[in-house]
């Protein structure tokens, strides 16, 4: 799973998800990239609930931080 550590309140669940996927032979680097990004967002923004609002807020944050994006 690499040498990084998840830091959000979802760290345990994220590690378990990656271990599950690896046990099935799935080792996608893009999956890890997105999970690390979501984890960092949750830590920085004190997200405590894994719900639709948390996911949509992260997606808006990611879109707004892309070069050339306009505020929504």
N, C-alpha and C. Protein backbone atom coordinates (compact mmCIF):
# COMPACT_ATOMS: atom_id res chain seq x y z
N UNK A 1 0.81 -1.20 0.00
CA UNK A 1 0.00 0.00 0.00
C UNK A 1 0.85 1.27 0.00
N UNK A 2 2.13 1.15 -0.02
CA UNK A 2 2.97 2.34 -0.05
C UNK A 2 3.42 2.73 1.34
N UNK A 3 4.14 3.87 1.40
CA UNK A 3 4.71 4.30 2.66
C UNK A 3 3.95 5.48 3.29
N UNK A 4 2.87 5.91 2.67
CA UNK A 4 2.10 7.03 3.20
C UNK A 4 1.12 6.55 4.26
N UNK A 5 0.64 7.49 5.04
CA UNK A 5 -0.38 7.20 6.04
C UNK A 5 -1.56 8.13 5.83
N UNK A 6 -2.74 7.61 5.95
CA UNK A 6 -3.93 8.45 5.94
C UNK A 6 -4.02 9.14 7.29
N UNK A 7 -4.60 10.33 7.33
CA UNK A 7 -4.62 11.11 8.57
C UNK A 7 -6.02 11.52 9.03
N UNK A 8 -7.02 11.33 8.19
CA UNK A 8 -8.37 11.76 8.56
C UNK A 8 -9.03 10.76 9.50
N UNK A 9 -10.23 11.09 9.94
CA UNK A 9 -10.98 10.17 10.79
C UNK A 9 -11.37 8.90 10.03
N UNK A 10 -11.20 8.93 8.71
CA UNK A 10 -11.53 7.77 7.87
C UNK A 10 -10.31 6.91 7.57
N UNK A 11 -9.19 7.18 8.22
CA UNK A 11 -7.93 6.49 7.93
C UNK A 11 -8.07 4.97 7.99
N UNK A 12 -8.66 4.46 9.03
CA UNK A 12 -8.79 3.00 9.17
C UNK A 12 -9.60 2.42 8.02
N UNK A 13 -10.71 3.02 7.69
CA UNK A 13 -11.57 2.52 6.62
C UNK A 13 -10.87 2.60 5.27
N UNK A 14 -10.11 3.67 5.04
CA UNK A 14 -9.39 3.81 3.78
C UNK A 14 -8.31 2.73 3.66
N UNK A 15 -7.59 2.48 4.74
CA UNK A 15 -6.58 1.41 4.72
C UNK A 15 -7.23 0.05 4.46
N UNK A 16 -8.35 -0.22 5.11
CA UNK A 16 -9.04 -1.49 4.91
C UNK A 16 -9.55 -1.63 3.47
N UNK A 17 -10.04 -0.54 2.90
CA UNK A 17 -10.51 -0.58 1.52
C UNK A 17 -9.36 -0.91 0.57
N UNK A 18 -8.20 -0.25 0.76
CA UNK A 18 -7.05 -0.53 -0.10
C UNK A 18 -6.57 -1.97 0.07
N UNK A 19 -6.56 -2.46 1.30
CA UNK A 19 -6.14 -3.84 1.54
C UNK A 19 -7.10 -4.82 0.85
N UNK A 20 -8.38 -4.53 0.91
CA UNK A 20 -9.38 -5.36 0.24
C UNK A 20 -9.15 -5.37 -1.27
N UNK A 21 -8.95 -4.18 -1.85
CA UNK A 21 -8.73 -4.10 -3.29
C UNK A 21 -7.45 -4.82 -3.68
N UNK A 22 -6.40 -4.68 -2.88
CA UNK A 22 -5.14 -5.36 -3.18
C UNK A 22 -5.30 -6.87 -3.09
N UNK A 23 -6.11 -7.34 -2.14
CA UNK A 23 -6.33 -8.78 -2.02
C UNK A 23 -7.04 -9.35 -3.24
N UNK A 24 -7.70 -8.48 -3.98
CA UNK A 24 -8.39 -8.89 -5.21
C UNK A 24 -7.50 -8.68 -6.44
N UNK A 25 -6.26 -8.23 -6.22
CA UNK A 25 -5.34 -8.02 -7.33
C UNK A 25 -5.43 -6.65 -7.97
N UNK A 26 -6.13 -5.72 -7.33
CA UNK A 26 -6.28 -4.36 -7.87
C UNK A 26 -5.31 -3.43 -7.15
N UNK A 27 -4.36 -2.88 -7.89
CA UNK A 27 -3.35 -2.00 -7.29
C UNK A 27 -3.30 -0.66 -8.01
N UNK A 28 -4.44 -0.06 -8.29
CA UNK A 28 -4.50 1.17 -9.07
C UNK A 28 -3.93 2.39 -8.37
N UNK A 29 -2.91 2.99 -8.98
CA UNK A 29 -2.28 4.18 -8.42
C UNK A 29 -3.25 5.36 -8.42
N UNK A 30 -4.13 5.44 -9.43
CA UNK A 30 -5.07 6.57 -9.46
C UNK A 30 -6.04 6.50 -8.28
N UNK A 31 -6.43 5.29 -7.90
CA UNK A 31 -7.33 5.13 -6.75
C UNK A 31 -6.65 5.67 -5.50
N UNK A 32 -5.39 5.33 -5.31
CA UNK A 32 -4.65 5.79 -4.14
C UNK A 32 -4.50 7.30 -4.17
N UNK A 33 -4.23 7.85 -5.35
CA UNK A 33 -4.11 9.31 -5.48
C UNK A 33 -5.39 10.00 -5.01
N UNK A 34 -6.54 9.54 -5.48
CA UNK A 34 -7.81 10.17 -5.11
C UNK A 34 -8.13 9.96 -3.64
N UNK A 35 -7.85 8.79 -3.12
CA UNK A 35 -8.12 8.56 -1.69
C UNK A 35 -7.23 9.43 -0.82
N UNK A 36 -5.97 9.59 -1.21
CA UNK A 36 -5.07 10.47 -0.44
C UNK A 36 -5.55 11.91 -0.51
N UNK A 37 -6.01 12.33 -1.67
CA UNK A 37 -6.52 13.69 -1.84
C UNK A 37 -7.76 13.91 -0.96
N UNK A 38 -8.68 12.95 -0.98
CA UNK A 38 -9.88 13.05 -0.15
C UNK A 38 -9.51 13.05 1.33
N UNK A 39 -8.59 12.19 1.71
CA UNK A 39 -8.15 12.11 3.10
C UNK A 39 -7.55 13.44 3.56
N UNK A 40 -6.70 14.04 2.73
CA UNK A 40 -6.08 15.33 3.08
C UNK A 40 -7.15 16.41 3.21
N UNK A 41 -8.11 16.42 2.29
CA UNK A 41 -9.20 17.39 2.35
C UNK A 41 -9.98 17.23 3.66
N UNK A 42 -10.30 16.00 4.01
CA UNK A 42 -11.06 15.74 5.24
C UNK A 42 -10.29 16.20 6.48
N UNK A 43 -8.99 15.98 6.48
CA UNK A 43 -8.17 16.42 7.61
C UNK A 43 -8.15 17.94 7.69
N UNK A 44 -7.88 18.59 6.56
CA UNK A 44 -7.75 20.05 6.54
C UNK A 44 -9.07 20.78 6.83
N UNK A 45 -10.18 20.17 6.43
CA UNK A 45 -11.48 20.82 6.58
C UNK A 45 -12.32 20.22 7.71
N UNK A 46 -11.70 19.39 8.51
CA UNK A 46 -12.34 18.80 9.70
C UNK A 46 -13.64 18.07 9.36
N UNK A 47 -13.62 17.33 8.25
CA UNK A 47 -14.79 16.54 7.84
C UNK A 47 -14.87 15.34 8.77
N UNK A 48 -16.03 15.11 9.33
CA UNK A 48 -16.22 14.01 10.28
C UNK A 48 -17.28 13.00 9.83
N UNK A 49 -18.04 13.34 8.79
CA UNK A 49 -19.09 12.45 8.30
C UNK A 49 -18.83 12.09 6.85
N UNK A 50 -18.89 10.81 6.56
CA UNK A 50 -18.73 10.35 5.18
C UNK A 50 -20.11 10.30 4.56
N UNK A 51 -20.48 11.42 3.94
CA UNK A 51 -21.81 11.53 3.36
C UNK A 51 -21.75 12.30 2.05
N UNK A 52 -22.89 12.48 1.43
CA UNK A 52 -22.94 13.15 0.14
C UNK A 52 -22.37 14.56 0.21
N UNK A 53 -22.67 15.28 1.26
CA UNK A 53 -22.17 16.64 1.41
C UNK A 53 -20.63 16.67 1.45
N UNK A 54 -20.04 15.73 2.16
CA UNK A 54 -18.57 15.68 2.23
C UNK A 54 -17.96 15.42 0.86
N UNK A 55 -18.52 14.47 0.13
CA UNK A 55 -18.00 14.14 -1.20
C UNK A 55 -18.17 15.31 -2.15
N UNK A 56 -19.35 15.90 -2.17
CA UNK A 56 -19.60 17.02 -3.09
C UNK A 56 -18.73 18.23 -2.75
N UNK A 57 -18.49 18.47 -1.48
CA UNK A 57 -17.62 19.58 -1.07
C UNK A 57 -16.19 19.33 -1.56
N UNK A 58 -15.72 18.10 -1.43
CA UNK A 58 -14.38 17.75 -1.91
C UNK A 58 -14.28 17.91 -3.42
N UNK A 59 -15.29 17.47 -4.15
CA UNK A 59 -15.28 17.59 -5.61
C UNK A 59 -15.25 19.07 -6.01
N UNK A 60 -16.07 19.90 -5.36
CA UNK A 60 -16.06 21.34 -5.66
C UNK A 60 -14.69 21.94 -5.37
N UNK A 61 -14.08 21.55 -4.25
CA UNK A 61 -12.76 22.03 -3.88
C UNK A 61 -11.74 21.63 -4.95
N UNK A 62 -11.77 20.37 -5.39
CA UNK A 62 -10.84 19.89 -6.41
C UNK A 62 -11.03 20.65 -7.72
N UNK A 63 -12.28 20.84 -8.12
CA UNK A 63 -12.54 21.55 -9.37
C UNK A 63 -12.08 23.00 -9.28
N UNK A 64 -12.30 23.65 -8.16
CA UNK A 64 -11.92 25.05 -8.00
C UNK A 64 -10.41 25.22 -7.96
N UNK A 65 -9.68 24.18 -7.58
CA UNK A 65 -8.23 24.31 -7.47
C UNK A 65 -7.51 23.95 -8.78
N UNK A 66 -8.27 23.59 -9.81
CA UNK A 66 -7.67 23.28 -11.10
C UNK A 66 -7.33 24.59 -11.82
N UNK A 67 -6.21 24.60 -12.52
CA UNK A 67 -5.82 25.82 -13.27
C UNK A 67 -6.91 26.19 -14.28
N UNK A 68 -7.22 27.46 -14.32
CA UNK A 68 -8.20 27.96 -15.28
C UNK A 68 -9.64 27.78 -14.87
N UNK A 69 -9.87 27.28 -13.66
CA UNK A 69 -11.25 27.09 -13.23
C UNK A 69 -11.83 28.41 -12.74
N UNK A 70 -13.13 28.52 -12.91
CA UNK A 70 -13.81 29.72 -12.42
C UNK A 70 -14.60 29.36 -11.18
N UNK A 71 -14.73 30.28 -10.24
CA UNK A 71 -15.50 29.97 -9.03
C UNK A 71 -16.94 29.66 -9.37
N UNK A 72 -17.52 28.68 -8.66
CA UNK A 72 -18.91 28.33 -8.92
C UNK A 72 -19.84 28.90 -7.89
